[in-house]
Amino acid sequence: MASALIALGGNVGDVRDTFARAVPMICGMAQASLEGRSSDYATPPWGQEDQARFVNACIEIDTPLNPLTLLEVLHKVERRFGRDRTCETRWGPRTLDLDLLAFEDAEIERSDLQLPHPRLFERAFVLVPLMEIAPDRLIAGRTARAALAQLSTAGIERLPPPSPN
């Protein structure tokens, strides 16, 4: 089994409900156990700023899959929730965005997969939720705690837990 960190994001539709349905789907398709799940956070848009706020979260899973197969699973889950990477605007609105942040201590540099995620340490909207589940995990020699200390968290708000149905 290998430990993987995954970021979840979205700003189209009921994103928190999407997360609630996507996390078990990820675990099932990746034959994984959920080891940690952060709170949900409302965050300002990044990259393309003229759009709705996002909801972001992070999970940690243990999976027997290799990183490329896990990435394929994440893309399949995105498609099941209506995301089409072939015709979307970069950093634009989306129903579900799943980013593989880290996989054990793997360092991979391929056209279809870079690990750790190349912009992980630039994104407070990822590091804030990651701090809840893996604040001191070394990723390429850095921790979420150390990286976040260098960034602004302005506009990032922890959301209350969803109310039970």
C-alpha atoms as a PDB file:
ATOM      1  CA  MET A   1       0.000   0.000   0.000  1.00  0.00           C
ATOM      2  CA  ALA A   2       1.163   3.528  -0.767  1.00  0.00           C
ATOM      3  CA  SER A   3       0.092   6.830   0.733  1.00  0.00           C
ATOM      4  CA  ALA A   4      -1.265   9.429  -1.676  1.00  0.00           C
ATOM      5  CA  LEU A   5      -2.377  12.999  -1.055  1.00  0.00           C
ATOM      6  CA  ILE A   6      -5.163  14.328  -3.273  1.00  0.00           C
ATOM      7  CA  ALA A   7      -6.617  17.837  -3.547  1.00  0.00           C
ATOM      8  CA  LEU A   8     -10.305  18.306  -4.349  1.00  0.00           C
ATOM      9  CA  GLY A   9     -11.770  21.500  -5.755  1.00  0.00           C
ATOM     10  CA  GLY A  10     -14.790  22.805  -7.605  1.00  0.00           C
ATOM     11  CA  ASN A  11     -17.052  25.805  -8.054  1.00  0.00           C
ATOM     12  CA  VAL A  12     -19.953  24.544 -10.193  1.00  0.00           C
ATOM     13  CA  GLY A  13     -23.032  22.947  -8.673  1.00  0.00           C
ATOM     14  CA  ASP A  14     -23.264  21.613  -5.115  1.00  0.00           C
ATOM     15  CA  VAL A  15     -19.536  21.086  -4.666  1.00  0.00           C
ATOM     16  CA  ARG A  16     -19.752  19.776  -1.109  1.00  0.00           C
ATOM     17  CA  ASP A  17     -22.242  17.122  -2.206  1.00  0.00           C
ATOM     18  CA  THR A  18     -19.940  16.283  -5.105  1.00  0.00           C
ATOM     19  CA  PHE A  19     -17.065  15.797  -2.637  1.00  0.00           C
ATOM     20  CA  ALA A  20     -19.263  13.618  -0.400  1.00  0.00           C
ATOM     21  CA  ARG A  21     -19.982  11.347  -3.365  1.00  0.00           C
ATOM     22  CA  ALA A  22     -16.547  11.540  -5.037  1.00  0.00           C
ATOM     23  CA  VAL A  23     -14.415  10.540  -2.025  1.00  0.00           C
ATOM     24  CA  PRO A  24     -16.002   7.079  -1.609  1.00  0.00           C
ATOM     25  CA  MET A  25     -15.879   6.637  -5.395  1.00  0.00           C
ATOM     26  CA  ILE A  26     -12.142   7.423  -5.394  1.00  0.00           C
ATOM     27  CA  CYS A  27     -11.571   4.946  -2.561  1.00  0.00           C
ATOM     28  CA  GLY A  28     -13.608   2.241  -4.260  1.00  0.00           C
ATOM     29  CA  MET A  29     -12.026   2.621  -7.688  1.00  0.00           C
ATOM     30  CA  ALA A  30      -8.517   2.936  -6.221  1.00  0.00           C
ATOM     31  CA  GLN A  31      -9.039  -0.021  -3.832  1.00  0.00           C
ATOM     32  CA  ALA A  32      -8.014   2.480  -1.168  1.00  0.00           C
ATOM     33  CA  SER A  33      -8.643   3.236   2.461  1.00  0.00           C
ATOM     34  CA  LEU A  34      -9.359   6.816   3.457  1.00  0.00           C
ATOM     35  CA  GLU A  35      -6.699   7.809   5.984  1.00  0.00           C
ATOM     36  CA  GLY A  36      -7.593  11.481   6.356  1.00  0.00           C
ATOM     37  CA  ARG A  37     -10.008  14.113   5.100  1.00  0.00           C
ATOM     38  CA  SER A  38      -9.745  17.825   5.708  1.00  0.00           C
ATOM     39  CA  SER A  39     -12.543  20.256   6.287  1.00  0.00           C
ATOM     40  CA  ASP A  40     -13.990  22.035   3.270  1.00  0.00           C
ATOM     41  CA  TYR A  41     -12.779  25.579   2.621  1.00  0.00           C
ATOM     42  CA  ALA A  42     -14.276  28.400   0.573  1.00  0.00           C
ATOM     43  CA  THR A  43     -11.428  29.950  -1.401  1.00  0.00           C
ATOM     44  CA  PRO A  44     -10.965  32.767  -3.887  1.00  0.00           C
ATOM     45  CA  PRO A  45     -10.548  31.704  -7.530  1.00  0.00           C
ATOM     46  CA  TRP A  46      -6.955  31.286  -8.653  1.00  0.00           C
ATOM     47  CA  GLY A  47      -5.597  31.903 -12.139  1.00  0.00           C
ATOM     48  CA  GLN A  48      -8.843  33.107 -13.703  1.00  0.00           C
ATOM     49  CA  GLU A  49     -10.285  35.404 -11.046  1.00  0.00           C
ATOM     50  CA  ASP A  50     -13.621  36.421 -12.632  1.00  0.00           C
ATOM     51  CA  GLN A  51     -15.578  33.368 -11.496  1.00  0.00           C
ATOM     52  CA  ALA A  52     -17.333  31.971  -8.417  1.00  0.00           C
ATOM     53  CA  ARG A  53     -15.404  31.087  -5.276  1.00  0.00           C
ATOM     54  CA  PHE A  54     -14.178  27.512  -5.038  1.00  0.00           C
ATOM     55  CA  VAL A  55     -14.584  24.883  -2.378  1.00  0.00           C
ATOM     56  CA  ASN A  56     -11.355  23.001  -1.659  1.00  0.00           C
ATOM     57  CA  ALA A  57     -10.381  20.044   0.508  1.00  0.00           C
ATOM     58  CA  CYS A  58      -7.674  17.363   0.716  1.00  0.00           C
ATOM     59  CA  ILE A  59      -7.697  13.654   1.386  1.00  0.00           C
ATOM     60  CA  GLU A  60      -5.046  11.078   2.168  1.00  0.00           C
ATOM     61  CA  ILE A  61      -5.545   7.525   0.948  1.00  0.00           C
ATOM     62  CA  ASP A  62      -3.608   4.269   1.077  1.00  0.00           C
ATOM     63  CA  THR A  63      -3.782   2.448  -2.241  1.00  0.00           C
ATOM     64  CA  PRO A  64      -2.128  -0.533  -3.923  1.00  0.00           C
ATOM     65  CA  LEU A  65      -2.219   1.314  -7.267  1.00  0.00           C
ATOM     66  CA  ASN A  66       0.812   2.948  -8.855  1.00  0.00           C
ATOM     67  CA  PRO A  67       0.776   6.734  -9.396  1.00  0.00           C
ATOM     68  CA  LEU A  68      -0.187   6.626 -13.096  1.00  0.00           C
ATOM     69  CA  THR A  69      -3.057   4.225 -12.503  1.00  0.00           C
ATOM     70  CA  LEU A  70      -4.257   6.354  -9.588  1.00  0.00           C
ATOM     71  CA  LEU A  71      -4.166   9.442 -11.821  1.00  0.00           C
ATOM     72  CA  GLU A  72      -6.313   7.580 -14.379  1.00  0.00           C
ATOM     73  CA  VAL A  73      -8.803   6.775 -11.603  1.00  0.00           C
ATOM     74  CA  LEU A  74      -8.927  10.448 -10.572  1.00  0.00           C
ATOM     75  CA  HIS A  75      -9.620  11.507 -14.160  1.00  0.00           C
ATOM     76  CA  LYS A  76     -12.402   8.898 -14.462  1.00  0.00           C
ATOM     77  CA  VAL A  77     -14.013  10.220 -11.281  1.00  0.00           C
ATOM     78  CA  GLU A  78     -13.817  13.785 -12.611  1.00  0.00           C
ATOM     79  CA  ARG A  79     -15.545  12.693 -15.827  1.00  0.00           C
ATOM     80  CA  ARG A  80     -18.324  10.988 -13.851  1.00  0.00           C
ATOM     81  CA  PHE A  81     -19.046  14.363 -12.276  1.00  0.00           C
ATOM     82  CA  GLY A  82     -19.177  16.150 -15.620  1.00  0.00           C
ATOM     83  CA  ARG A  83     -15.647  17.417 -16.084  1.00  0.00           C
ATOM     84  CA  ASP A  84     -14.253  17.362 -19.617  1.00  0.00           C
ATOM     85  CA  ARG A  85     -10.595  18.357 -19.571  1.00  0.00           C
ATOM     86  CA  THR A  86     -10.502  18.504 -23.389  1.00  0.00           C
ATOM     87  CA  CYS A  87     -12.784  21.535 -23.721  1.00  0.00           C
ATOM     88  CA  GLU A  88     -12.387  23.544 -20.525  1.00  0.00           C
ATOM     89  CA  THR A  89     -10.701  26.852 -19.829  1.00  0.00           C
ATOM     90  CA  ARG A  90      -7.469  26.550 -17.870  1.00  0.00           C
ATOM     91  CA  TRP A  91      -8.132  27.463 -14.229  1.00  0.00           C
ATOM     92  CA  GLY A  92     -11.769  28.061 -15.168  1.00  0.00           C
ATOM     93  CA  PRO A  93     -15.006  26.884 -13.567  1.00  0.00           C
ATOM     94  CA  ARG A  94     -15.362  23.169 -12.916  1.00  0.00           C
ATOM     95  CA  THR A  95     -17.579  20.657 -11.188  1.00  0.00           C
ATOM     96  CA  LEU A  96     -14.678  18.658  -9.764  1.00  0.00           C
ATOM     97  CA  ASP A  97     -10.920  19.034  -9.932  1.00  0.00           C
ATOM     98  CA  LEU A  98      -8.799  16.227  -8.488  1.00  0.00           C
ATOM     99  CA  ASP A  99      -5.048  16.776  -8.261  1.00  0.00           C
ATOM    100  CA  LEU A 100      -2.594  14.113  -7.185  1.00  0.00           C
ATOM    101  CA  LEU A 101      -0.325  16.133  -4.902  1.00  0.00           C
ATOM    102  CA  ALA A 102       2.094  13.496  -3.660  1.00  0.00           C
ATOM    103  CA  PHE A 103       2.527   9.737  -3.775  1.00  0.00           C
ATOM    104  CA  GLU A 104       4.808   8.424  -1.041  1.00  0.00           C
ATOM    105  CA  ASP A 105       8.090  10.230  -1.762  1.00  0.00           C
ATOM    106  CA  ALA A 106       7.908   9.693  -5.529  1.00  0.00           C
ATOM    107  CA  GLU A 107       9.473  12.264  -7.805  1.00  0.00           C
ATOM    108  CA  ILE A 108       8.114  11.868 -11.319  1.00  0.00           C
ATOM    109  CA  GLU A 109       8.662  14.189 -14.271  1.00  0.00           C
ATOM    110  CA  ARG A 110       6.531  13.117 -17.233  1.00  0.00           C
ATOM    111  CA  SER A 111       4.293  14.980 -19.660  1.00  0.00           C
ATOM    112  CA  ASP A 112       1.210  13.330 -18.143  1.00  0.00           C
ATOM    113  CA  LEU A 113       2.250  13.334 -14.464  1.00  0.00           C
ATOM    114  CA  GLN A 114       4.510  15.430 -12.281  1.00  0.00           C
ATOM    115  CA  LEU A 115       5.035  14.498  -8.646  1.00  0.00           C
ATOM    116  CA  PRO A 116       5.001  16.173  -6.334  1.00  0.00           C
ATOM    117  CA  HIS A 117       2.403  18.465  -7.939  1.00  0.00           C
ATOM    118  CA  PRO A 118       4.419  21.291  -9.544  1.00  0.00           C
ATOM    119  CA  ARG A 119       2.381  24.152  -8.014  1.00  0.00           C
ATOM    120  CA  LEU A 120       1.636  22.581  -4.632  1.00  0.00           C
ATOM    121  CA  PHE A 121       3.785  24.989  -2.638  1.00  0.00           C
ATOM    122  CA  GLU A 122       2.358  28.065  -4.440  1.00  0.00           C
ATOM    123  CA  ARG A 123      -1.289  27.415  -3.553  1.00  0.00           C
ATOM    124  CA  ALA A 124      -2.592  28.366  -0.134  1.00  0.00           C
ATOM    125  CA  PHE A 125      -5.994  26.964  -1.144  1.00  0.00           C
ATOM    126  CA  VAL A 126      -4.351  23.517  -1.222  1.00  0.00           C
ATOM    127  CA  LEU A 127      -1.948  23.957   1.681  1.00  0.00           C
ATOM    128  CA  VAL A 128      -4.587  25.150   4.181  1.00  0.00           C
ATOM    129  CA  PRO A 129      -6.647  21.934   3.969  1.00  0.00           C
ATOM    130  CA  LEU A 130      -3.482  19.846   3.635  1.00  0.00           C
ATOM    131  CA  MET A 131      -2.325  21.279   6.977  1.00  0.00           C
ATOM    132  CA  GLU A 132      -5.233  19.468   8.667  1.00  0.00           C
ATOM    133  CA  ILE A 133      -4.200  16.010   7.523  1.00  0.00           C
ATOM    134  CA  ALA A 134      -0.454  16.146   6.806  1.00  0.00           C
ATOM    135  CA  PRO A 135       1.111  19.327   8.249  1.00  0.00           C
ATOM    136  CA  ASP A 136       4.586  17.898   8.730  1.00  0.00           C
ATOM    137  CA  ARG A 137       4.802  15.275   5.995  1.00  0.00           C
ATOM    138  CA  LEU A 138       7.930  15.847   3.943  1.00  0.00           C
ATOM    139  CA  ILE A 139       7.146  16.413   0.288  1.00  0.00           C
ATOM    140  CA  ALA A 140      10.227  17.100  -1.834  1.00  0.00           C
ATOM    141  CA  GLY A 141      12.023  18.196   1.333  1.00  0.00           C
ATOM    142  CA  ARG A 142       9.315  20.648   2.427  1.00  0.00           C
ATOM    143  CA  THR A 143       6.250  20.509   4.632  1.00  0.00           C
ATOM    144  CA  ALA A 144       2.829  22.066   4.151  1.00  0.00           C
ATOM    145  CA  ARG A 145       3.410  23.966   7.401  1.00  0.00           C
ATOM    146  CA  ALA A 146       6.658  25.563   6.172  1.00  0.00           C
ATOM    147  CA  ALA A 147       5.301  26.333   2.702  1.00  0.00           C
ATOM    148  CA  LEU A 148       2.086  27.880   4.028  1.00  0.00           C
ATOM    149  CA  ALA A 149       4.063  30.177   6.334  1.00  0.00           C
ATOM    150  CA  GLN A 150       5.333  31.892   3.152  1.00  0.00           C
ATOM    151  CA  LEU A 151       1.877  32.519   1.626  1.00  0.00           C
ATOM    152  CA  SER A 152      -1.166  34.671   2.299  1.00  0.00           C
ATOM    153  CA  THR A 153      -4.329  32.902   3.392  1.00  0.00           C
ATOM    154  CA  ALA A 154      -6.523  35.954   2.767  1.00  0.00           C
ATOM    155  CA  GLY A 155     -10.018  35.007   1.650  1.00  0.00           C
ATOM    156  CA  ILE A 156      -9.756  31.341   2.682  1.00  0.00           C
ATOM    157  CA  GLU A 157     -12.579  30.394   5.055  1.00  0.00           C
ATOM    158  CA  ARG A 158     -13.134  27.061   6.771  1.00  0.00           C
ATOM    159  CA  LEU A 159     -16.718  25.943   6.150  1.00  0.00           C
ATOM    160  CA  PRO A 160     -18.833  24.416   8.904  1.00  0.00           C
ATOM    161  CA  PRO A 161     -19.386  20.664   8.679  1.00  0.00           C
ATOM    162  CA  PRO A 162     -22.280  19.786   6.375  1.00  0.00           C
ATOM    163  CA  SER A 163     -25.546  19.322   8.213  1.00  0.00           C
ATOM    164  CA  PRO A 164     -26.733  15.701   8.329  1.00  0.00           C
ATOM    165  CA  ASN A 165     -29.689  14.915   6.091  1.00  0.00           C
END
